[in-house]
Amino acid sequence: MATILIAEDDADIRDLVVFKLEQSGHTVIPVGDGRSALRMAHEQDPDIVLLDVMMPGMSGIDVCRELRRDAQTAELPIILLTARAQESDVENGLTAGADDYIVKPFSPRVLAERVQSVLTRTRA
């Protein structure tokens, strides 16, 4: 299965996502902020990154852009998780380089399926 890095500042959501993805057989690296996500993306070499858009300090959009600029992480699949559901928000996330955009609240089962879909698509 895959190694998944998740950056989510809400501990309850982070724990739920970790539980569901581990239940699906993945190894999960949870962090609570964007700067930690950048560091772990370089140190742990994950297969995919899930980023909360609205985190204190460094947003998921900023992390996404930084990952895309760096040759080491430029091809890393990225899914953004956010409560922001307006068309302009989705467009902004995809323009920043995200491979998918999931709006909160979300079904943990659907999240796991979307992660698998992005992994399958990017590995092909």
Protein backbone atom coordinates (compact mmCIF):
# COMPACT_ATOMS: atom_id res chain seq x y z
CA MET A 1 0.00 0.00 0.00
CA ALA A 2 1.01 3.66 0.09
CA THR A 3 2.73 5.99 2.52
CA ILE A 4 0.46 8.99 3.02
CA LEU A 5 1.44 12.32 4.57
CA ILE A 6 -1.50 14.23 6.04
CA ALA A 7 -1.30 17.82 7.28
CA GLU A 8 -4.42 18.78 9.22
CA ASP A 9 -4.51 21.18 12.16
CA ASP A 10 -7.79 19.82 13.56
CA ALA A 11 -6.75 16.81 15.66
CA ASP A 12 -10.19 15.16 15.45
CA ILE A 13 -10.26 15.27 11.65
CA ARG A 14 -6.60 14.21 11.46
CA ASP A 15 -7.26 11.22 13.74
CA LEU A 16 -10.31 10.19 11.70
CA VAL A 17 -8.37 10.35 8.43
CA VAL A 18 -5.42 8.46 9.92
CA PHE A 19 -7.74 5.74 11.26
CA LYS A 20 -9.54 5.26 7.94
CA LEU A 21 -6.39 5.25 5.81
CA GLU A 22 -4.58 2.85 8.15
CA GLN A 23 -7.68 0.65 8.12
CA SER A 24 -7.30 0.61 4.31
CA GLY A 25 -3.74 -0.71 4.71
CA HIS A 26 -1.75 2.50 4.23
CA THR A 27 1.08 3.88 6.35
CA VAL A 28 0.15 7.38 7.51
CA ILE A 29 2.42 10.22 8.61
CA PRO A 30 0.25 12.80 10.43
CA VAL A 31 1.37 16.39 11.06
CA GLY A 32 -0.51 19.43 12.34
CA ASP A 33 0.85 22.26 10.21
CA GLY A 34 2.19 23.23 6.79
CA ARG A 35 5.84 23.69 7.72
CA SER A 36 5.96 20.21 9.23
CA ALA A 37 4.33 18.86 6.07
CA LEU A 38 7.07 20.39 3.91
CA ARG A 39 9.78 18.95 6.13
CA MET A 40 8.21 15.48 6.26
CA ALA A 41 7.62 15.43 2.49
CA HIS A 42 11.39 15.69 2.07
CA GLU A 43 12.38 13.40 4.95
CA GLN A 44 9.85 10.58 4.53
CA ASP A 45 9.32 10.39 0.73
CA PRO A 46 5.54 9.78 0.89
CA ASP A 47 3.54 8.45 -2.06
CA ILE A 48 0.83 11.10 -1.68
CA VAL A 49 0.13 14.20 0.44
CA LEU A 50 -3.21 15.34 1.89
CA LEU A 51 -3.24 19.01 2.90
CA ASP A 52 -5.81 20.97 4.84
CA VAL A 53 -6.13 24.32 3.06
CA MET A 54 -6.69 26.51 6.12
CA MET A 55 -3.87 25.90 8.59
CA PRO A 56 -2.18 28.51 10.76
CA GLY A 57 1.21 29.76 9.63
CA MET A 58 1.40 28.15 6.21
CA SER A 59 -1.72 27.21 4.29
CA GLY A 60 -2.16 24.00 2.35
CA ILE A 61 -2.18 26.06 -0.86
CA ASP A 62 1.24 27.49 0.05
CA VAL A 63 2.58 24.02 0.86
CA CYS A 64 1.21 22.71 -2.43
CA ARG A 65 2.96 25.48 -4.37
CA GLU A 66 6.25 24.85 -2.54
CA LEU A 67 6.06 21.12 -3.22
CA ARG A 68 5.44 21.78 -6.92
CA ARG A 69 8.44 24.17 -7.14
CA ASP A 70 10.88 21.66 -5.68
CA ALA A 71 12.28 19.08 -8.13
CA GLN A 72 12.30 16.40 -5.39
CA THR A 73 8.55 16.74 -4.74
CA ALA A 74 7.21 18.26 -7.97
CA GLU A 75 5.51 15.03 -9.10
CA LEU A 76 4.14 14.09 -5.70
CA PRO A 77 0.34 13.59 -5.82
CA ILE A 78 -1.49 16.16 -3.67
CA ILE A 79 -5.08 16.24 -2.43
CA LEU A 80 -6.41 19.37 -0.74
CA LEU A 81 -8.98 19.04 2.08
CA THR A 82 -11.04 22.10 2.90
CA ALA A 83 -14.32 23.55 4.03
CA ARG A 84 -14.02 26.13 1.24
CA ALA A 85 -16.35 24.93 -1.49
CA GLN A 86 -16.85 27.87 -3.82
CA GLU A 87 -15.85 27.42 -7.44
CA SER A 88 -13.07 30.01 -7.10
CA ASP A 89 -11.63 28.11 -4.10
CA VAL A 90 -11.52 24.86 -6.06
CA GLU A 91 -9.96 26.65 -9.03
CA ASN A 92 -7.34 28.23 -6.77
CA GLY A 93 -6.41 24.84 -5.31
CA LEU A 94 -6.14 23.12 -8.66
CA THR A 95 -4.16 26.04 -10.11
CA ALA A 96 -1.72 25.71 -7.19
CA GLY A 97 -1.03 22.18 -8.42
CA ALA A 98 -3.38 19.89 -6.48
CA ASP A 99 -4.44 16.66 -8.14
CA ASP A 100 -7.77 16.59 -6.32
CA TYR A 101 -9.86 18.78 -4.00
CA ILE A 102 -12.12 17.33 -1.33
CA VAL A 103 -14.64 19.49 0.50
CA LYS A 104 -15.33 19.02 4.23
CA PRO A 105 -17.31 17.45 5.64
CA PHE A 106 -16.44 14.31 3.70
CA SER A 107 -17.12 10.62 4.06
CA PRO A 108 -14.01 8.77 5.27
CA ARG A 109 -14.86 5.97 2.84
CA VAL A 110 -15.05 8.40 -0.08
CA LEU A 111 -11.77 9.99 1.02
CA ALA A 112 -10.05 6.59 0.98
CA GLU A 113 -11.48 5.92 -2.49
CA ARG A 114 -10.30 9.31 -3.80
CA VAL A 115 -6.83 8.71 -2.39
CA GLN A 116 -6.71 5.35 -4.15
CA SER A 117 -7.98 6.90 -7.37
CA VAL A 118 -5.28 9.61 -7.37
CA LEU A 119 -2.60 7.02 -6.56
CA THR A 120 -3.76 4.76 -9.39
CA ARG A 121 -3.91 7.65 -11.85
CA THR A 122 -0.48 9.03 -10.98
CA ARG A 123 1.23 5.64 -10.94
CA ALA A 124 -0.07 4.74 -14.42
